[in-house]
Amino acid sequence: MARHAHHEPHGDDLLAAAKATLERSGEQWTAMRANVYAALSGFAKPASAYDIAEALSRSEGRRIAANSIYRILDLFVTANLALRVESANAYVANAHPGCRHDCIFLVCDGCGNTTHFDDDSLTGGLRAAAGAAGFVAERPVVEVRGRCADCAATARAQSGQSTH
């Protein structure tokens, strides 16, 4: 498999990487964009624009409209700062914003955890298959829905099945 590892910054380092990536794309890193990115990167699971608006409204003590958040999230997706989990209409902060890859998500139907990983051979095969059909794939997104290891183990335990 053509998976590869990235140095994945966290906290202030991730915010700095996102800021640098956005500015390289010709956009400004405003206070509102910084706040939205900080809120998004603080979620353990994919967050909707409404989740982010609610979190910011609480922290800023004023109402933040979800429409404003959607516009910023669209910009973040375009600039590779965020990834959109299509089936959940939610977003995750891109842990390596300076590196572009097609999205592959493992989405747990039990707990909602979503894992993103890169596999260029898999997505390259999808692009090649699309091309063979005369289609130009601009942004392949692969989502595999199922159960994470913890939820699968819980389900087995509840049904009395052994893990062996």
C-alpha atoms as a PDB file:
ATOM      1  CA  MET A   1       0.000   0.000   0.000  1.00  0.00           C
ATOM      2  CA  ALA A   2       1.332   3.468  -0.820  1.00  0.00           C
ATOM      3  CA  ARG A   3       0.607   4.907   2.577  1.00  0.00           C
ATOM      4  CA  HIS A   4       3.015   7.396   3.958  1.00  0.00           C
ATOM      5  CA  ALA A   5       3.634   9.206   7.200  1.00  0.00           C
ATOM      6  CA  HIS A   6       3.549  12.915   7.835  1.00  0.00           C
ATOM      7  CA  HIS A   7       4.766  15.032  10.665  1.00  0.00           C
ATOM      8  CA  GLU A   8       1.400  16.070  12.057  1.00  0.00           C
ATOM      9  CA  PRO A   9       1.575  19.294  14.045  1.00  0.00           C
ATOM     10  CA  HIS A  10      -0.772  19.876  16.969  1.00  0.00           C
ATOM     11  CA  GLY A  11      -2.010  22.904  18.901  1.00  0.00           C
ATOM     12  CA  ASP A  12      -0.189  26.133  18.107  1.00  0.00           C
ATOM     13  CA  ASP A  13       2.037  24.377  15.548  1.00  0.00           C
ATOM     14  CA  LEU A  14      -1.050  23.202  13.628  1.00  0.00           C
ATOM     15  CA  LEU A  15      -2.520  26.721  13.709  1.00  0.00           C
ATOM     16  CA  ALA A  16       0.776  28.112  12.395  1.00  0.00           C
ATOM     17  CA  ALA A  17       0.879  25.513   9.601  1.00  0.00           C
ATOM     18  CA  ALA A  18      -2.723  26.307   8.654  1.00  0.00           C
ATOM     19  CA  LYS A  19      -2.029  30.049   8.678  1.00  0.00           C
ATOM     20  CA  ALA A  20       1.042  29.641   6.472  1.00  0.00           C
ATOM     21  CA  THR A  21      -0.854  27.394   4.038  1.00  0.00           C
ATOM     22  CA  LEU A  22      -3.782  29.815   3.773  1.00  0.00           C
ATOM     23  CA  GLU A  23      -1.502  32.810   3.246  1.00  0.00           C
ATOM     24  CA  ARG A  24       0.458  30.928   0.543  1.00  0.00           C
ATOM     25  CA  SER A  25      -2.864  30.489  -1.270  1.00  0.00           C
ATOM     26  CA  GLY A  26      -3.250  34.295  -1.327  1.00  0.00           C
ATOM     27  CA  GLU A  27      -5.857  34.534   1.437  1.00  0.00           C
ATOM     28  CA  GLN A  28      -5.684  36.430   4.719  1.00  0.00           C
ATOM     29  CA  TRP A  29      -5.592  34.716   8.100  1.00  0.00           C
ATOM     30  CA  THR A  30      -8.174  36.815   9.937  1.00  0.00           C
ATOM     31  CA  ALA A  31      -9.099  36.553  13.604  1.00  0.00           C
ATOM     32  CA  MET A  32     -12.414  34.911  12.680  1.00  0.00           C
ATOM     33  CA  ARG A  33     -10.701  32.352  10.421  1.00  0.00           C
ATOM     34  CA  ALA A  34      -8.186  31.613  13.184  1.00  0.00           C
ATOM     35  CA  ASN A  35     -11.025  31.115  15.679  1.00  0.00           C
ATOM     36  CA  VAL A  36     -12.931  28.821  13.316  1.00  0.00           C
ATOM     37  CA  TYR A  37      -9.822  26.740  12.621  1.00  0.00           C
ATOM     38  CA  ALA A  38      -8.983  26.533  16.337  1.00  0.00           C
ATOM     39  CA  ALA A  39     -12.532  25.396  17.104  1.00  0.00           C
ATOM     40  CA  LEU A  40     -12.532  22.863  14.269  1.00  0.00           C
ATOM     41  CA  SER A  41      -9.182  21.407  15.284  1.00  0.00           C
ATOM     42  CA  GLY A  42     -10.428  21.112  18.867  1.00  0.00           C
ATOM     43  CA  PHE A  43     -13.205  18.659  17.994  1.00  0.00           C
ATOM     44  CA  ALA A  44     -12.413  14.970  18.486  1.00  0.00           C
ATOM     45  CA  LYS A  45     -14.956  14.013  15.805  1.00  0.00           C
ATOM     46  CA  PRO A  46     -16.047  15.633  12.538  1.00  0.00           C
ATOM     47  CA  ALA A  47     -17.864  18.885  13.269  1.00  0.00           C
ATOM     48  CA  SER A  48     -20.674  20.574  11.382  1.00  0.00           C
ATOM     49  CA  ALA A  49     -20.823  24.301  10.760  1.00  0.00           C
ATOM     50  CA  TYR A  50     -23.532  24.409  13.441  1.00  0.00           C
ATOM     51  CA  ASP A  51     -21.237  22.646  15.959  1.00  0.00           C
ATOM     52  CA  ILE A  52     -18.509  25.194  15.273  1.00  0.00           C
ATOM     53  CA  ALA A  53     -20.929  28.154  15.381  1.00  0.00           C
ATOM     54  CA  GLU A  54     -22.246  26.956  18.747  1.00  0.00           C
ATOM     55  CA  ALA A  55     -18.736  26.510  20.170  1.00  0.00           C
ATOM     56  CA  LEU A  56     -17.655  29.958  18.978  1.00  0.00           C
ATOM     57  CA  SER A  57     -20.878  31.580  20.194  1.00  0.00           C
ATOM     58  CA  ARG A  58     -20.208  30.182  23.678  1.00  0.00           C
ATOM     59  CA  SER A  59     -16.545  31.199  23.735  1.00  0.00           C
ATOM     60  CA  GLU A  60     -17.101  34.686  22.301  1.00  0.00           C
ATOM     61  CA  GLY A  61     -20.300  35.451  24.187  1.00  0.00           C
ATOM     62  CA  ARG A  62     -22.144  36.460  21.025  1.00  0.00           C
ATOM     63  CA  ARG A  63     -24.156  34.657  18.384  1.00  0.00           C
ATOM     64  CA  ILE A  64     -22.127  33.422  15.429  1.00  0.00           C
ATOM     65  CA  ALA A  65     -24.187  32.477  12.366  1.00  0.00           C
ATOM     66  CA  ALA A  66     -23.604  29.081  10.791  1.00  0.00           C
ATOM     67  CA  ASN A  67     -23.679  30.740   7.337  1.00  0.00           C
ATOM     68  CA  SER A  68     -20.472  32.600   8.213  1.00  0.00           C
ATOM     69  CA  ILE A  69     -18.897  29.337   9.315  1.00  0.00           C
ATOM     70  CA  TYR A  70     -19.908  27.569   6.078  1.00  0.00           C
ATOM     71  CA  ARG A  71     -18.166  30.225   3.984  1.00  0.00           C
ATOM     72  CA  ILE A  72     -14.982  29.880   6.009  1.00  0.00           C
ATOM     73  CA  LEU A  73     -15.139  26.068   5.893  1.00  0.00           C
ATOM     74  CA  ASP A  74     -15.546  26.182   2.103  1.00  0.00           C
ATOM     75  CA  LEU A  75     -12.427  28.331   1.934  1.00  0.00           C
ATOM     76  CA  PHE A  76     -10.599  25.926   4.269  1.00  0.00           C
ATOM     77  CA  VAL A  77     -11.506  22.937   2.085  1.00  0.00           C
ATOM     78  CA  THR A  78     -10.341  24.773  -1.044  1.00  0.00           C
ATOM     79  CA  ALA A  79      -7.068  25.737   0.684  1.00  0.00           C
ATOM     80  CA  ASN A  80      -6.602  22.182   2.083  1.00  0.00           C
ATOM     81  CA  LEU A  81      -6.925  23.262   5.725  1.00  0.00           C
ATOM     82  CA  ALA A  82     -10.016  21.145   6.288  1.00  0.00           C
ATOM     83  CA  LEU A  83     -11.450  17.959   4.851  1.00  0.00           C
ATOM     84  CA  ARG A  84     -15.164  17.386   4.341  1.00  0.00           C
ATOM     85  CA  VAL A  85     -16.732  14.131   5.435  1.00  0.00           C
ATOM     86  CA  GLU A  86     -19.413  14.094   2.759  1.00  0.00           C
ATOM     87  CA  SER A  87     -21.780  11.530   4.295  1.00  0.00           C
ATOM     88  CA  ALA A  88     -21.893  13.408   7.593  1.00  0.00           C
ATOM     89  CA  ASN A  89     -21.887  16.961   6.163  1.00  0.00           C
ATOM     90  CA  ALA A  90     -19.110  17.623   8.648  1.00  0.00           C
ATOM     91  CA  TYR A  91     -15.488  18.687   8.613  1.00  0.00           C
ATOM     92  CA  VAL A  92     -12.169  17.741  10.167  1.00  0.00           C
ATOM     93  CA  ALA A  93      -9.060  19.867  10.389  1.00  0.00           C
ATOM     94  CA  ASN A  94      -6.398  18.639   7.983  1.00  0.00           C
ATOM     95  CA  ALA A  95      -3.504  17.584  10.222  1.00  0.00           C
ATOM     96  CA  HIS A  96      -1.027  18.187   7.394  1.00  0.00           C
ATOM     97  CA  PRO A  97      -2.399  21.199   5.493  1.00  0.00           C
ATOM     98  CA  GLY A  98       0.684  21.678   3.343  1.00  0.00           C
ATOM     99  CA  CYS A  99       0.268  18.261   1.700  1.00  0.00           C
ATOM    100  CA  ARG A 100      -2.513  17.469  -0.785  1.00  0.00           C
ATOM    101  CA  HIS A 101      -3.971  13.999  -1.053  1.00  0.00           C
ATOM    102  CA  ASP A 102      -7.340  12.572  -1.957  1.00  0.00           C
ATOM    103  CA  CYS A 103      -9.513  11.875   1.072  1.00  0.00           C
ATOM    104  CA  ILE A 104     -10.009   8.407   2.486  1.00  0.00           C
ATOM    105  CA  PHE A 105     -12.155   8.221   5.612  1.00  0.00           C
ATOM    106  CA  LEU A 106     -13.114   5.335   7.869  1.00  0.00           C
ATOM    107  CA  VAL A 107     -16.375   6.430   9.511  1.00  0.00           C
ATOM    108  CA  CYS A 108     -17.662   4.522  12.559  1.00  0.00           C
ATOM    109  CA  ASP A 109     -21.443   4.226  12.604  1.00  0.00           C
ATOM    110  CA  GLY A 110     -21.275   3.375  16.316  1.00  0.00           C
ATOM    111  CA  CYS A 111     -19.392   6.268  17.900  1.00  0.00           C
ATOM    112  CA  GLY A 112     -18.929   8.654  14.980  1.00  0.00           C
ATOM    113  CA  ASN A 113     -15.138   8.622  15.118  1.00  0.00           C
ATOM    114  CA  THR A 114     -13.635   9.274  11.721  1.00  0.00           C
ATOM    115  CA  THR A 115     -10.119   8.342  10.723  1.00  0.00           C
ATOM    116  CA  HIS A 116      -8.475   9.967   7.728  1.00  0.00           C
ATOM    117  CA  PHE A 117      -5.567   8.326   5.963  1.00  0.00           C
ATOM    118  CA  ASP A 118      -3.722   8.685   2.701  1.00  0.00           C
ATOM    119  CA  ASP A 119      -3.174   5.887   0.207  1.00  0.00           C
ATOM    120  CA  ASP A 120      -2.111   7.257  -3.136  1.00  0.00           C
ATOM    121  CA  SER A 121      -2.183   3.842  -4.817  1.00  0.00           C
ATOM    122  CA  LEU A 122      -5.851   3.379  -3.910  1.00  0.00           C
ATOM    123  CA  THR A 123      -6.962   6.847  -4.951  1.00  0.00           C
ATOM    124  CA  GLY A 124      -4.657   6.735  -7.969  1.00  0.00           C
ATOM    125  CA  GLY A 125      -6.482   3.576  -9.051  1.00  0.00           C
ATOM    126  CA  LEU A 126      -9.810   5.372  -8.673  1.00  0.00           C
ATOM    127  CA  ARG A 127      -8.549   8.290 -10.745  1.00  0.00           C
ATOM    128  CA  ALA A 128      -7.264   5.880 -13.419  1.00  0.00           C
ATOM    129  CA  ALA A 129     -10.587   3.997 -13.521  1.00  0.00           C
ATOM    130  CA  ALA A 130     -12.469   7.282 -13.834  1.00  0.00           C
ATOM    131  CA  GLY A 131     -10.112   8.380 -16.595  1.00  0.00           C
ATOM    132  CA  ALA A 132     -10.619   5.094 -18.467  1.00  0.00           C
ATOM    133  CA  ALA A 133     -14.348   5.852 -18.395  1.00  0.00           C
ATOM    134  CA  GLY A 134     -13.690   9.300 -19.873  1.00  0.00           C
ATOM    135  CA  PHE A 135     -14.268  11.077 -16.583  1.00  0.00           C
ATOM    136  CA  VAL A 136     -11.879  13.569 -14.983  1.00  0.00           C
ATOM    137  CA  ALA A 137     -11.835  13.014 -11.219  1.00  0.00           C
ATOM    138  CA  GLU A 138     -11.170  16.345  -9.573  1.00  0.00           C
ATOM    139  CA  ARG A 139     -11.501  15.402  -5.920  1.00  0.00           C
ATOM    140  CA  PRO A 140     -12.016  11.741  -5.100  1.00  0.00           C
ATOM    141  CA  VAL A 141     -13.440  11.172  -1.637  1.00  0.00           C
ATOM    142  CA  VAL A 142     -13.624   7.615  -0.320  1.00  0.00           C
ATOM    143  CA  GLU A 143     -15.701   6.940   2.771  1.00  0.00           C
ATOM    144  CA  VAL A 144     -15.900   3.500   4.305  1.00  0.00           C
ATOM    145  CA  ARG A 145     -18.676   3.197   6.865  1.00  0.00           C
ATOM    146  CA  GLY A 146     -18.629   0.492   9.491  1.00  0.00           C
ATOM    147  CA  ARG A 147     -17.445   0.006  13.063  1.00  0.00           C
ATOM    148  CA  CYS A 148     -14.156   1.007  14.644  1.00  0.00           C
ATOM    149  CA  ALA A 149     -12.275  -1.649  16.624  1.00  0.00           C
ATOM    150  CA  ASP A 150     -13.727  -0.473  19.962  1.00  0.00           C
ATOM    151  CA  CYS A 151     -17.348  -0.441  18.746  1.00  0.00           C
ATOM    152  CA  ALA A 152     -16.927  -3.793  16.979  1.00  0.00           C
ATOM    153  CA  ALA A 153     -15.511  -5.333  20.181  1.00  0.00           C
ATOM    154  CA  THR A 154     -18.382  -3.879  22.235  1.00  0.00           C
ATOM    155  CA  ALA A 155     -20.934  -5.237  19.760  1.00  0.00           C
ATOM    156  CA  ARG A 156     -19.306  -8.688  19.876  1.00  0.00           C
ATOM    157  CA  ALA A 157     -19.245  -8.653  23.676  1.00  0.00           C
ATOM    158  CA  GLN A 158     -22.909  -7.652  23.836  1.00  0.00           C
ATOM    159  CA  SER A 159     -23.884 -10.437  21.466  1.00  0.00           C
ATOM    160  CA  GLY A 160     -21.795 -12.979  23.372  1.00  0.00           C
ATOM    161  CA  GLN A 161     -19.402 -13.601  20.475  1.00  0.00           C
ATOM    162  CA  SER A 162     -15.752 -14.313  21.037  1.00  0.00           C
ATOM    163  CA  THR A 163     -13.047 -12.228  19.386  1.00  0.00           C
ATOM    164  CA  HIS A 164     -11.277 -15.440  18.284  1.00  0.00           C
END
